Each structure stands twice: as structure tokens, then as C-alpha cells.
N, C-alpha and C. Protein backbone atom coordinates (compact mmCIF):
# COMPACT_ATOMS: atom_id res chain seq x y z
N PRO A 1 28.64 2.57 -20.84
CA PRO A 1 27.74 3.63 -20.34
C PRO A 1 28.25 4.33 -19.08
N HIS A 2 28.03 5.53 -19.14
CA HIS A 2 28.49 6.49 -17.89
C HIS A 2 27.50 7.52 -17.51
N VAL A 3 27.24 7.45 -16.22
CA VAL A 3 26.29 8.54 -15.74
C VAL A 3 26.54 9.95 -16.16
N ASP A 4 27.80 10.27 -16.10
CA ASP A 4 28.15 11.71 -16.59
C ASP A 4 27.86 12.00 -18.05
N PHE A 5 27.64 11.05 -18.72
CA PHE A 5 27.12 11.27 -20.17
C PHE A 5 25.64 10.88 -20.24
N GLU A 6 25.47 9.67 -20.18
CA GLU A 6 24.04 9.19 -20.26
C GLU A 6 23.03 9.79 -19.44
N GLY A 7 23.44 10.03 -18.03
CA GLY A 7 22.58 10.62 -17.14
C GLY A 7 22.31 12.11 -17.63
N CYS A 8 23.32 12.90 -17.96
CA CYS A 8 23.04 14.20 -18.42
C CYS A 8 22.05 14.32 -19.52
N VAL A 9 22.37 13.56 -20.56
CA VAL A 9 21.44 13.49 -21.72
C VAL A 9 19.99 13.05 -21.40
N ALA A 10 20.04 12.03 -20.53
CA ALA A 10 18.59 11.65 -20.16
C ALA A 10 17.83 12.76 -19.36
N ALA A 11 18.59 13.38 -18.40
CA ALA A 11 17.91 14.46 -17.63
C ALA A 11 17.60 15.69 -18.51
N ALA A 12 18.52 16.06 -19.50
CA ALA A 12 18.14 17.19 -20.42
C ALA A 12 17.09 16.78 -21.41
N THR A 13 17.00 15.59 -21.79
CA THR A 13 15.89 15.00 -22.58
C THR A 13 14.52 15.16 -21.96
N ALA A 14 14.51 14.66 -20.71
CA ALA A 14 13.25 14.66 -19.92
C ALA A 14 12.94 16.06 -19.66
N ALA A 15 13.83 16.82 -19.37
CA ALA A 15 13.46 18.36 -19.08
C ALA A 15 12.84 19.12 -20.17
N ALA A 16 13.62 19.00 -21.40
CA ALA A 16 13.13 19.45 -22.57
C ALA A 16 11.79 19.12 -22.95
N ALA A 17 11.53 17.88 -22.77
CA ALA A 17 10.03 17.17 -23.24
C ALA A 17 9.08 17.88 -22.32
N GLU A 18 9.45 18.21 -21.08
CA GLU A 18 8.40 18.75 -20.22
C GLU A 18 8.46 20.42 -20.34
N GLY A 19 9.25 20.91 -21.24
CA GLY A 19 9.17 22.22 -21.51
C GLY A 19 9.89 23.12 -20.51
N VAL A 20 10.96 22.53 -19.86
CA VAL A 20 11.64 23.28 -18.84
C VAL A 20 12.45 24.39 -19.71
N ALA A 21 12.14 25.58 -19.29
CA ALA A 21 12.80 26.77 -20.06
C ALA A 21 14.29 26.84 -19.71
N ARG A 22 14.73 26.59 -18.50
CA ARG A 22 16.17 26.82 -18.30
C ARG A 22 16.79 25.43 -17.70
N PHE A 23 17.64 24.61 -18.12
CA PHE A 23 18.17 23.50 -17.61
C PHE A 23 19.57 23.92 -17.13
N VAL A 24 19.89 23.63 -15.93
CA VAL A 24 21.22 23.99 -15.19
C VAL A 24 21.85 22.69 -14.98
N LEU A 25 23.18 22.62 -15.58
CA LEU A 25 23.96 21.33 -15.50
C LEU A 25 25.21 21.74 -14.66
N ILE A 26 25.45 20.94 -13.63
CA ILE A 26 26.54 21.24 -12.77
C ILE A 26 27.69 20.17 -13.44
N SER A 27 28.88 20.76 -13.79
CA SER A 27 29.78 20.00 -14.41
C SER A 27 31.04 19.88 -13.54
N SER A 28 32.24 20.21 -14.22
CA SER A 28 33.43 20.26 -13.37
C SER A 28 34.36 21.37 -14.00
N ALA A 29 35.06 22.00 -13.17
CA ALA A 29 36.11 22.83 -13.76
C ALA A 29 37.27 22.01 -14.44
N SER A 30 37.75 22.55 -15.42
CA SER A 30 38.88 22.01 -16.33
C SER A 30 38.31 20.93 -17.29
N VAL A 31 37.12 20.86 -17.44
CA VAL A 31 36.51 19.69 -18.25
C VAL A 31 36.98 19.94 -19.74
N THR A 32 37.05 21.13 -20.17
CA THR A 32 37.65 21.37 -21.55
C THR A 32 39.08 21.81 -21.50
N GLN A 33 39.77 21.46 -20.63
CA GLN A 33 41.33 21.69 -20.49
C GLN A 33 42.04 20.45 -20.27
N PRO A 34 42.30 19.56 -21.31
CA PRO A 34 42.89 18.27 -21.17
C PRO A 34 44.45 18.34 -20.69
N SER A 35 44.88 19.43 -20.84
CA SER A 35 46.33 19.63 -20.44
C SER A 35 46.56 20.00 -19.10
N PHE A 36 45.47 20.36 -18.33
CA PHE A 36 45.53 20.86 -16.95
C PHE A 36 45.81 19.64 -16.08
N ALA A 37 46.53 19.76 -15.14
CA ALA A 37 46.90 18.57 -14.05
C ALA A 37 45.50 18.17 -13.59
N LEU A 38 44.63 19.07 -13.14
CA LEU A 38 43.49 18.36 -12.57
C LEU A 38 42.84 17.40 -13.59
N HIS A 39 42.57 17.89 -14.63
CA HIS A 39 41.99 17.03 -15.75
C HIS A 39 42.63 15.70 -15.94
N MET A 40 43.96 15.77 -16.02
CA MET A 40 44.66 14.59 -16.29
C MET A 40 44.53 13.44 -15.09
N THR A 41 44.66 14.14 -13.96
CA THR A 41 44.63 13.28 -12.59
C THR A 41 43.30 12.65 -12.38
N ARG A 42 42.35 13.49 -12.69
CA ARG A 42 40.93 12.90 -12.62
C ARG A 42 40.69 11.87 -13.69
N ASN A 43 41.02 12.21 -14.82
CA ASN A 43 40.80 11.24 -15.81
C ASN A 43 41.53 9.88 -15.58
N SER A 44 42.73 9.89 -15.15
CA SER A 44 43.47 8.66 -14.96
C SER A 44 43.06 7.87 -13.69
N LEU A 45 42.71 8.63 -12.70
CA LEU A 45 42.06 7.92 -11.51
C LEU A 45 40.69 7.49 -11.41
N MET A 46 39.98 8.25 -12.31
CA MET A 46 38.44 8.06 -12.07
C MET A 46 37.81 7.71 -13.40
N GLY A 47 38.34 6.79 -14.13
CA GLY A 47 37.66 6.21 -15.34
C GLY A 47 37.37 7.19 -16.39
N ARG A 48 38.22 8.17 -16.74
CA ARG A 48 38.11 9.20 -17.77
C ARG A 48 36.93 9.98 -17.43
N ILE A 49 36.64 10.21 -16.24
CA ILE A 49 35.44 11.11 -15.80
C ILE A 49 35.38 12.43 -16.53
N MET A 50 36.44 13.09 -16.71
CA MET A 50 36.44 14.44 -17.42
C MET A 50 35.98 14.26 -18.91
N ASP A 51 36.37 13.24 -19.49
CA ASP A 51 35.82 13.04 -20.99
C ASP A 51 34.35 12.85 -20.91
N TRP A 52 33.91 11.92 -20.03
CA TRP A 52 32.50 11.76 -19.81
C TRP A 52 31.78 12.93 -19.50
N LYS A 53 32.20 13.82 -18.61
CA LYS A 53 31.58 15.05 -18.24
C LYS A 53 31.42 15.93 -19.56
N LEU A 54 32.42 16.15 -20.30
CA LEU A 54 32.38 16.80 -21.44
C LEU A 54 31.33 16.39 -22.46
N LEU A 55 31.36 15.05 -22.68
CA LEU A 55 30.42 14.44 -23.57
C LEU A 55 28.88 14.61 -23.03
N GLY A 56 28.86 14.78 -21.91
CA GLY A 56 27.51 14.89 -21.20
C GLY A 56 27.15 16.40 -21.41
N GLU A 57 27.97 17.28 -21.22
CA GLU A 57 27.64 18.80 -21.66
C GLU A 57 27.26 18.93 -23.01
N GLN A 58 28.18 18.31 -23.78
CA GLN A 58 27.81 18.39 -25.42
C GLN A 58 26.46 17.77 -25.71
N GLY A 59 26.14 16.61 -25.06
CA GLY A 59 24.96 15.95 -25.43
C GLY A 59 23.83 16.69 -24.87
N ALA A 60 23.87 17.34 -23.73
CA ALA A 60 22.83 18.05 -23.04
C ALA A 60 22.50 19.30 -24.17
N ALA A 61 23.58 19.88 -24.44
CA ALA A 61 23.48 21.02 -25.39
C ALA A 61 22.77 20.73 -26.66
N LYS A 62 23.12 19.54 -27.30
CA LYS A 62 22.39 19.07 -28.64
C LYS A 62 20.95 18.72 -28.30
N VAL A 63 20.58 18.34 -27.21
CA VAL A 63 19.28 17.93 -26.80
C VAL A 63 18.43 19.27 -27.01
N TYR A 64 18.96 20.23 -26.08
CA TYR A 64 18.24 21.56 -25.97
C TYR A 64 18.30 22.46 -27.35
N ASP A 65 19.34 22.37 -27.96
CA ASP A 65 19.43 22.97 -29.43
C ASP A 65 18.30 22.29 -30.22
N ALA A 66 18.38 21.01 -30.38
CA ALA A 66 17.34 20.38 -31.20
C ALA A 66 15.93 20.73 -31.02
N VAL A 67 15.61 20.71 -29.64
CA VAL A 67 14.23 20.85 -29.10
C VAL A 67 13.90 22.21 -29.45
N GLN A 68 14.74 23.23 -29.14
CA GLN A 68 14.43 24.62 -29.44
C GLN A 68 14.37 24.94 -30.78
N GLN A 69 15.13 24.16 -31.63
CA GLN A 69 15.08 24.64 -33.13
C GLN A 69 13.47 24.00 -33.63
N SER A 70 13.23 22.78 -33.14
CA SER A 70 12.10 21.95 -33.78
C SER A 70 10.76 22.62 -33.23
N THR A 71 10.66 23.20 -32.12
CA THR A 71 9.57 23.80 -31.41
C THR A 71 9.37 25.11 -31.33
N ALA A 72 10.38 25.92 -31.64
CA ALA A 72 10.59 27.37 -31.58
C ALA A 72 10.22 27.79 -30.12
N ARG A 73 10.36 26.97 -29.17
CA ARG A 73 10.30 27.30 -27.76
C ARG A 73 11.62 27.88 -27.27
N ASP A 74 11.48 28.82 -26.28
CA ASP A 74 12.71 29.69 -25.77
C ASP A 74 13.16 28.74 -24.60
N LEU A 75 14.22 27.91 -25.15
CA LEU A 75 14.80 27.03 -23.95
C LEU A 75 16.31 27.51 -23.92
N SER A 76 16.84 27.31 -22.67
CA SER A 76 18.35 27.55 -22.32
C SER A 76 18.98 26.60 -21.64
N LEU A 77 20.15 26.41 -21.74
CA LEU A 77 20.94 25.53 -21.03
C LEU A 77 22.17 26.45 -20.46
N THR A 78 22.40 26.18 -19.05
CA THR A 78 23.27 26.77 -18.46
C THR A 78 24.23 25.68 -17.83
N ILE A 79 25.54 25.81 -18.11
CA ILE A 79 26.47 24.88 -17.41
C ILE A 79 27.36 25.57 -16.46
N VAL A 80 27.33 25.02 -15.28
CA VAL A 80 28.12 25.55 -14.18
C VAL A 80 29.30 24.57 -13.92
N ARG A 81 30.62 25.30 -13.87
CA ARG A 81 31.74 24.43 -13.90
C ARG A 81 32.28 24.94 -12.40
N PRO A 82 31.97 24.42 -11.22
CA PRO A 82 32.49 24.94 -10.11
C PRO A 82 34.02 24.66 -9.88
N GLY A 83 34.74 25.50 -9.18
CA GLY A 83 36.19 25.17 -8.78
C GLY A 83 36.18 24.17 -7.91
N TYR A 84 37.38 24.16 -7.15
CA TYR A 84 37.78 23.11 -6.29
C TYR A 84 36.49 23.01 -5.17
N LEU A 85 36.16 21.74 -4.95
CA LEU A 85 35.22 21.38 -3.79
C LEU A 85 36.06 20.95 -2.68
N SER A 86 36.06 21.67 -1.49
CA SER A 86 36.91 21.31 -0.34
C SER A 86 36.11 20.50 0.48
N ASP A 87 36.74 19.86 1.45
CA ASP A 87 36.12 19.22 2.67
C ASP A 87 35.80 20.12 4.05
N ASP A 88 36.20 21.46 3.74
CA ASP A 88 35.94 22.40 4.91
C ASP A 88 34.61 22.41 5.29
N PRO A 89 34.33 22.85 6.64
CA PRO A 89 32.78 22.95 6.81
C PRO A 89 32.26 24.20 6.35
N PRO A 90 31.10 24.18 5.99
CA PRO A 90 30.34 25.36 5.42
C PRO A 90 30.25 26.55 6.37
N GLY A 91 30.03 27.58 5.85
CA GLY A 91 29.87 28.70 6.86
C GLY A 91 30.54 30.01 6.26
N GLY A 92 29.96 31.14 6.77
CA GLY A 92 30.57 32.37 6.44
C GLY A 92 30.18 32.82 5.05
N ALA A 93 30.62 33.98 4.76
CA ALA A 93 30.39 34.61 3.55
C ALA A 93 31.26 34.22 2.39
N ARG A 94 30.83 34.01 1.35
CA ARG A 94 31.68 33.55 0.26
C ARG A 94 31.47 34.48 -1.08
N SER A 95 32.50 34.51 -1.84
CA SER A 95 32.37 35.22 -3.11
C SER A 95 32.15 34.30 -4.08
N LEU A 96 31.49 34.87 -5.32
CA LEU A 96 31.06 34.12 -6.50
C LEU A 96 31.71 34.87 -7.73
N LEU A 97 32.42 34.02 -8.43
CA LEU A 97 33.03 34.69 -9.78
C LEU A 97 32.08 34.04 -10.77
N VAL A 98 31.45 35.14 -11.51
CA VAL A 98 30.69 34.62 -12.67
C VAL A 98 31.49 35.04 -13.90
N ASP A 99 31.72 33.94 -14.59
CA ASP A 99 32.48 34.02 -15.96
C ASP A 99 32.17 33.13 -17.03
N THR A 100 32.55 33.28 -18.16
CA THR A 100 32.35 32.32 -19.22
C THR A 100 33.64 31.37 -19.53
N GLY A 101 33.38 30.41 -20.10
CA GLY A 101 34.43 29.44 -20.34
C GLY A 101 34.61 28.52 -19.22
N ASP A 102 35.92 28.12 -19.21
CA ASP A 102 36.35 27.06 -18.27
C ASP A 102 37.62 27.38 -17.47
N ASN A 103 37.37 28.07 -16.47
CA ASN A 103 38.44 28.63 -15.62
C ASN A 103 38.57 27.95 -14.32
N LEU A 104 39.69 27.32 -13.97
CA LEU A 104 39.90 26.76 -12.72
C LEU A 104 40.21 27.79 -11.58
N THR A 105 39.18 28.30 -10.96
CA THR A 105 39.43 29.40 -9.98
C THR A 105 38.53 29.15 -8.77
N GLY A 106 39.12 29.42 -7.70
CA GLY A 106 38.29 29.21 -6.26
C GLY A 106 37.94 27.91 -5.75
N SER A 107 37.39 28.01 -4.64
CA SER A 107 36.91 26.70 -3.98
C SER A 107 35.74 27.02 -3.10
N ILE A 108 34.86 25.99 -2.89
CA ILE A 108 33.84 26.18 -1.92
C ILE A 108 33.50 24.82 -1.20
N PRO A 109 33.10 24.76 0.00
CA PRO A 109 32.85 23.53 0.76
C PRO A 109 31.71 22.72 0.14
N ARG A 110 32.02 21.46 0.21
CA ARG A 110 30.96 20.51 -0.39
C ARG A 110 29.60 20.66 0.22
């Protein structure tokens, strides 16, 4: 069992059961890019975390799709895949790239 899979599915299930119209899941950049160095490094050093994160995304999507189809409620799932999280101090203006897919771009302080 892994929190990045089971936790995502459990949270999505609870939210959908309560009728939460928009579920936002924070995942990780390059989760769908197994040939990227970041993906391979994280997987090898952190117990296949990227694979678990992708399974969590897929599981949450299945939950929301199933509930929406069975209840005809207007539910949506948004997956955010932030770029590199740095240890820099927060502050100052930042730019935000809004895109679709899984692009490894940018950084933001934790």
C-alpha cells in the first residue's frame, strides 16, 4: 500500500461521496514521462514514487468518472503537476504557466 495511490483514491472517494464538485489533486511533474531523468531518479531513490503517483491520478480519475456517470452530477477533477520545488525562501512575484499535459517547466519555493 502506498499513500500516493491509496491516499489519492480514498480522498477522491470521500470528496465525490460528499458531492465536492471540483477535486484538485497535486501530483508531480514528469509523472507520465518514465524516460525523464527526474522520473527515473525519483523512482529509484523513493520506492517507485512516480509510479504510485500516476496510479493515484488514474484512480482518482476513475472515481470521479464513475460517480459522475452514475449520478449525473457535474463533477470535475483537476490534476496539478508542479515543476521543481526549491528550498529558496518564498517571496516576490512569480509567474505561473498554465498548460495541459505533463511538462517539466519552472520552479517554486516550497
